[in-house]
Amino acid sequence: MGLVHASSISFSAVARVLAAEVRRHGLELPSFSSPPRVAGARRTIRRLHGGGFMVSVQVRGRPVDAVLGDMIDGVVAANGLHGREAEGWRLALRAAVLPEAMAA
């Protein structure tokens, strides 16, 4: 398959599918936005004052798979996952979301 670049439409679709999967497993769901406020950053993660996290991802000109990876890493960080547990969640979330993301 060729390289599929992300768009704001696919970013929104991926965020919805990822959110459903994260909620289904009882994990904390961060908020997602684009682009990051930090110039040149591909992804930023910040803690919100009222609780929770905001994951901001650069979408323009990037493959859907890279954008999805950044979003999943945000979920991993928001849930304080590390090591094998984090890697297991990365694989499970990617497998659950990628077919939907590539169709968006």
N, C-alpha and C. Protein backbone atom coordinates (compact mmCIF):
# COMPACT_ATOMS: atom_id res chain seq x y z
N MET A 1 0.84 -1.17 0.00
CA MET A 1 0.00 0.00 0.00
C MET A 1 0.88 1.23 0.00
N GLY A 2 0.48 2.26 -0.75
CA GLY A 2 1.26 3.49 -0.80
C GLY A 2 1.13 4.27 0.50
N LEU A 3 1.91 5.32 0.59
CA LEU A 3 1.90 6.16 1.76
C LEU A 3 0.62 6.99 1.77
N VAL A 4 -0.16 6.89 2.79
CA VAL A 4 -1.41 7.64 2.91
C VAL A 4 -1.18 8.77 3.89
N HIS A 5 -1.36 10.01 3.42
CA HIS A 5 -1.14 11.17 4.28
C HIS A 5 -2.41 11.51 5.05
N ALA A 6 -2.21 11.98 6.26
CA ALA A 6 -3.32 12.35 7.12
C ALA A 6 -3.91 13.69 6.69
N SER A 7 -5.16 13.87 6.98
CA SER A 7 -5.84 15.15 6.78
C SER A 7 -6.63 15.44 8.05
N SER A 8 -7.19 16.62 8.12
CA SER A 8 -7.98 16.94 9.31
C SER A 8 -9.19 16.02 9.43
N ILE A 9 -9.73 15.58 8.28
CA ILE A 9 -10.87 14.66 8.31
C ILE A 9 -10.44 13.30 8.85
N SER A 10 -9.31 12.77 8.36
CA SER A 10 -8.87 11.47 8.86
C SER A 10 -8.43 11.57 10.32
N PHE A 11 -7.87 12.73 10.73
CA PHE A 11 -7.48 12.93 12.13
C PHE A 11 -8.70 12.82 13.02
N SER A 12 -9.79 13.46 12.63
CA SER A 12 -11.03 13.39 13.41
C SER A 12 -11.59 11.97 13.46
N ALA A 13 -11.55 11.29 12.32
CA ALA A 13 -12.05 9.92 12.26
C ALA A 13 -11.21 8.99 13.13
N VAL A 14 -9.90 9.14 13.05
CA VAL A 14 -9.00 8.32 13.87
C VAL A 14 -9.24 8.62 15.35
N ALA A 15 -9.41 9.88 15.71
CA ALA A 15 -9.64 10.24 17.11
C ALA A 15 -10.92 9.59 17.63
N ARG A 16 -11.98 9.58 16.82
CA ARG A 16 -13.24 8.96 17.26
C ARG A 16 -13.08 7.45 17.46
N VAL A 17 -12.43 6.79 16.51
CA VAL A 17 -12.25 5.33 16.62
C VAL A 17 -11.34 5.00 17.80
N LEU A 18 -10.26 5.75 17.95
CA LEU A 18 -9.34 5.52 19.06
C LEU A 18 -10.05 5.76 20.38
N ALA A 19 -10.86 6.81 20.46
CA ALA A 19 -11.59 7.11 21.70
C ALA A 19 -12.52 5.97 22.08
N ALA A 20 -13.22 5.42 21.12
CA ALA A 20 -14.13 4.31 21.41
C ALA A 20 -13.35 3.11 21.93
N GLU A 21 -12.21 2.83 21.34
CA GLU A 21 -11.41 1.68 21.76
C GLU A 21 -10.82 1.90 23.16
N VAL A 22 -10.35 3.10 23.43
CA VAL A 22 -9.77 3.43 24.74
C VAL A 22 -10.85 3.32 25.82
N ARG A 23 -12.02 3.88 25.55
CA ARG A 23 -13.12 3.80 26.53
C ARG A 23 -13.55 2.36 26.76
N ARG A 24 -13.59 1.57 25.69
CA ARG A 24 -14.01 0.17 25.79
C ARG A 24 -13.13 -0.61 26.77
N HIS A 25 -11.87 -0.22 26.85
CA HIS A 25 -10.93 -0.90 27.73
C HIS A 25 -10.76 -0.20 29.08
N GLY A 26 -11.51 0.87 29.30
CA GLY A 26 -11.47 1.55 30.59
C GLY A 26 -10.22 2.38 30.84
N LEU A 27 -9.52 2.75 29.78
CA LEU A 27 -8.35 3.60 29.93
C LEU A 27 -8.76 5.06 29.93
N GLU A 28 -7.89 5.92 30.47
CA GLU A 28 -8.15 7.36 30.44
C GLU A 28 -7.94 7.87 29.03
N LEU A 29 -8.89 8.62 28.54
CA LEU A 29 -8.83 9.17 27.19
C LEU A 29 -8.35 10.61 27.23
N PRO A 30 -7.20 10.92 26.61
CA PRO A 30 -6.78 12.31 26.52
C PRO A 30 -7.60 13.03 25.46
N SER A 31 -7.56 14.34 25.48
CA SER A 31 -8.14 15.14 24.40
C SER A 31 -7.11 15.23 23.28
N PHE A 32 -7.57 15.35 22.06
CA PHE A 32 -6.67 15.45 20.91
C PHE A 32 -6.91 16.76 20.18
N SER A 33 -5.82 17.37 19.70
CA SER A 33 -5.92 18.58 18.90
C SER A 33 -4.80 18.60 17.88
N SER A 34 -4.91 19.53 16.94
CA SER A 34 -3.88 19.70 15.92
C SER A 34 -3.95 21.15 15.45
N PRO A 35 -2.81 21.75 15.24
CA PRO A 35 -1.44 21.30 15.43
C PRO A 35 -0.95 21.63 16.84
N PRO A 36 0.24 21.15 17.20
CA PRO A 36 0.82 21.51 18.50
C PRO A 36 1.10 23.01 18.56
N ARG A 37 1.07 23.57 19.74
CA ARG A 37 1.37 25.00 19.91
C ARG A 37 2.86 25.29 19.83
N VAL A 38 3.69 24.28 19.97
CA VAL A 38 5.14 24.45 19.94
C VAL A 38 5.61 24.34 18.49
N ALA A 39 6.19 25.41 17.98
CA ALA A 39 6.64 25.44 16.59
C ALA A 39 7.63 24.31 16.32
N GLY A 40 7.40 23.58 15.23
CA GLY A 40 8.29 22.50 14.83
C GLY A 40 8.06 21.17 15.51
N ALA A 41 7.18 21.13 16.50
CA ALA A 41 6.91 19.87 17.22
C ALA A 41 5.94 19.02 16.42
N ARG A 42 6.19 17.73 16.37
CA ARG A 42 5.26 16.80 15.73
C ARG A 42 4.18 16.34 16.70
N ARG A 43 4.51 16.33 18.00
CA ARG A 43 3.55 15.93 19.02
C ARG A 43 3.93 16.58 20.34
N THR A 44 2.93 17.05 21.06
CA THR A 44 3.14 17.51 22.43
C THR A 44 2.07 16.88 23.30
N ILE A 45 2.40 16.69 24.55
CA ILE A 45 1.46 16.16 25.53
C ILE A 45 1.55 17.08 26.75
N ARG A 46 0.39 17.60 27.16
CA ARG A 46 0.41 18.45 28.34
C ARG A 46 -0.73 18.08 29.27
N ARG A 47 -0.46 18.26 30.55
CA ARG A 47 -1.47 18.01 31.58
C ARG A 47 -2.38 19.23 31.66
N LEU A 48 -3.68 18.99 31.71
CA LEU A 48 -4.65 20.08 31.80
C LEU A 48 -4.90 20.44 33.26
N HIS A 49 -5.19 21.71 33.52
CA HIS A 49 -5.39 22.18 34.90
C HIS A 49 -6.52 21.46 35.62
N GLY A 50 -7.60 21.15 34.93
CA GLY A 50 -8.74 20.48 35.55
C GLY A 50 -8.59 18.97 35.60
N GLY A 51 -7.45 18.46 35.18
CA GLY A 51 -7.22 17.03 35.10
C GLY A 51 -7.25 16.56 33.66
N GLY A 52 -6.66 15.46 33.40
CA GLY A 52 -6.60 14.92 32.05
C GLY A 52 -5.40 15.44 31.29
N PHE A 53 -5.33 15.07 30.02
CA PHE A 53 -4.21 15.43 29.17
C PHE A 53 -4.71 15.90 27.82
N MET A 54 -3.89 16.75 27.18
CA MET A 54 -4.14 17.19 25.81
C MET A 54 -2.96 16.71 24.97
N VAL A 55 -3.28 15.94 23.93
CA VAL A 55 -2.27 15.46 22.98
C VAL A 55 -2.47 16.25 21.70
N SER A 56 -1.47 17.02 21.31
CA SER A 56 -1.54 17.80 20.08
C SER A 56 -0.58 17.18 19.07
N VAL A 57 -1.08 16.96 17.86
CA VAL A 57 -0.33 16.23 16.84
C VAL A 57 -0.29 17.03 15.54
N GLN A 58 0.89 17.09 14.93
CA GLN A 58 1.03 17.68 13.60
C GLN A 58 0.47 16.69 12.59
N VAL A 59 -0.50 17.11 11.81
CA VAL A 59 -1.16 16.23 10.86
C VAL A 59 -0.66 16.48 9.44
N ARG A 60 -0.58 17.73 9.06
CA ARG A 60 -0.26 18.12 7.68
C ARG A 60 1.05 17.50 7.19
N GLY A 61 0.95 16.80 6.04
CA GLY A 61 2.13 16.25 5.40
C GLY A 61 2.71 15.00 6.04
N ARG A 62 1.97 14.41 6.96
CA ARG A 62 2.47 13.22 7.65
C ARG A 62 1.59 12.02 7.33
N PRO A 63 2.19 10.82 7.29
CA PRO A 63 1.40 9.61 7.05
C PRO A 63 0.42 9.34 8.20
N VAL A 64 -0.71 8.77 7.86
CA VAL A 64 -1.72 8.42 8.86
C VAL A 64 -1.11 7.55 9.95
N ASP A 65 -0.27 6.60 9.58
CA ASP A 65 0.34 5.69 10.55
C ASP A 65 1.18 6.46 11.58
N ALA A 66 1.90 7.49 11.13
CA ALA A 66 2.72 8.29 12.06
C ALA A 66 1.84 9.10 13.00
N VAL A 67 0.77 9.68 12.46
CA VAL A 67 -0.17 10.46 13.28
C VAL A 67 -0.83 9.53 14.30
N LEU A 68 -1.28 8.36 13.87
CA LEU A 68 -1.88 7.39 14.77
C LEU A 68 -0.89 6.99 15.87
N GLY A 69 0.35 6.76 15.50
CA GLY A 69 1.38 6.40 16.50
C GLY A 69 1.53 7.47 17.56
N ASP A 70 1.50 8.75 17.15
CA ASP A 70 1.60 9.84 18.11
C ASP A 70 0.37 9.89 19.02
N MET A 71 -0.79 9.64 18.46
CA MET A 71 -2.01 9.64 19.26
C MET A 71 -2.00 8.50 20.27
N ILE A 72 -1.58 7.34 19.83
CA ILE A 72 -1.50 6.17 20.73
C ILE A 72 -0.47 6.42 21.82
N ASP A 73 0.67 7.01 21.47
CA ASP A 73 1.67 7.34 22.49
C ASP A 73 1.09 8.30 23.53
N GLY A 74 0.20 9.19 23.09
CA GLY A 74 -0.47 10.09 24.02
C GLY A 74 -1.36 9.33 25.00
N VAL A 75 -2.06 8.32 24.50
CA VAL A 75 -2.89 7.48 25.37
C VAL A 75 -2.01 6.75 26.38
N VAL A 76 -0.91 6.21 25.90
CA VAL A 76 0.04 5.49 26.77
C VAL A 76 0.54 6.43 27.87
N ALA A 77 0.94 7.65 27.50
CA ALA A 77 1.46 8.61 28.48
C ALA A 77 0.37 9.03 29.47
N ALA A 78 -0.83 9.29 28.97
CA ALA A 78 -1.93 9.72 29.83
C ALA A 78 -2.30 8.67 30.87
N ASN A 79 -2.03 7.41 30.55
CA ASN A 79 -2.36 6.32 31.46
C ASN A 79 -1.15 5.83 32.27
N GLY A 80 -0.03 6.51 32.11
CA GLY A 80 1.17 6.16 32.89
C GLY A 80 1.67 4.77 32.63
N LEU A 81 1.51 4.29 31.39
CA LEU A 81 1.94 2.93 31.05
C LEU A 81 3.41 2.91 30.67
N HIS A 82 4.10 1.84 31.06
CA HIS A 82 5.54 1.73 30.79
C HIS A 82 5.90 0.31 30.39
N GLY A 83 7.04 0.16 29.76
CA GLY A 83 7.60 -1.16 29.47
C GLY A 83 6.71 -2.05 28.63
N ARG A 84 6.66 -3.31 29.04
CA ARG A 84 5.87 -4.30 28.28
C ARG A 84 4.39 -3.97 28.24
N GLU A 85 3.88 -3.44 29.33
CA GLU A 85 2.47 -3.08 29.36
C GLU A 85 2.17 -1.99 28.32
N ALA A 86 3.04 -0.99 28.25
CA ALA A 86 2.86 0.08 27.27
C ALA A 86 2.95 -0.46 25.85
N GLU A 87 3.91 -1.32 25.60
CA GLU A 87 4.08 -1.88 24.25
C GLU A 87 2.88 -2.74 23.87
N GLY A 88 2.37 -3.51 24.82
CA GLY A 88 1.17 -4.31 24.55
C GLY A 88 -0.02 -3.44 24.17
N TRP A 89 -0.22 -2.33 24.87
CA TRP A 89 -1.32 -1.42 24.55
C TRP A 89 -1.10 -0.74 23.21
N ARG A 90 0.15 -0.37 22.92
CA ARG A 90 0.44 0.23 21.60
C ARG A 90 0.03 -0.72 20.48
N LEU A 91 0.43 -1.97 20.61
CA LEU A 91 0.11 -2.96 19.58
C LEU A 91 -1.40 -3.20 19.48
N ALA A 92 -2.06 -3.35 20.62
CA ALA A 92 -3.49 -3.63 20.63
C ALA A 92 -4.30 -2.46 20.06
N LEU A 93 -3.96 -1.23 20.44
CA LEU A 93 -4.68 -0.06 19.94
C LEU A 93 -4.45 0.14 18.45
N ARG A 94 -3.20 -0.04 18.02
CA ARG A 94 -2.89 0.11 16.59
C ARG A 94 -3.66 -0.93 15.78
N ALA A 95 -3.68 -2.16 16.23
CA ALA A 95 -4.37 -3.23 15.50
C ALA A 95 -5.87 -2.96 15.42
N ALA A 96 -6.43 -2.40 16.49
CA ALA A 96 -7.86 -2.14 16.52
C ALA A 96 -8.25 -0.93 15.67
N VAL A 97 -7.36 0.05 15.58
CA VAL A 97 -7.71 1.33 14.96
C VAL A 97 -7.19 1.44 13.54
N LEU A 98 -6.08 0.82 13.20
CA LEU A 98 -5.44 1.05 11.90
C LEU A 98 -6.34 0.76 10.70
N PRO A 99 -7.10 -0.34 10.66
CA PRO A 99 -7.96 -0.55 9.48
C PRO A 99 -8.95 0.61 9.29
N GLU A 100 -9.48 1.13 10.37
CA GLU A 100 -10.41 2.25 10.28
C GLU A 100 -9.67 3.52 9.85
N ALA A 101 -8.46 3.70 10.37
CA ALA A 101 -7.69 4.90 10.05
C ALA A 101 -7.31 4.94 8.58
N MET A 102 -6.96 3.82 8.02
CA MET A 102 -6.53 3.77 6.63
C MET A 102 -7.73 4.00 5.70
N ALA A 103 -8.93 3.70 6.16
CA ALA A 103 -10.12 3.89 5.35
C ALA A 103 -10.62 5.34 5.39
N ALA A 104 -10.19 6.07 6.41
CA ALA A 104 -10.68 7.46 6.59
C ALA A 104 -10.14 8.39 5.52
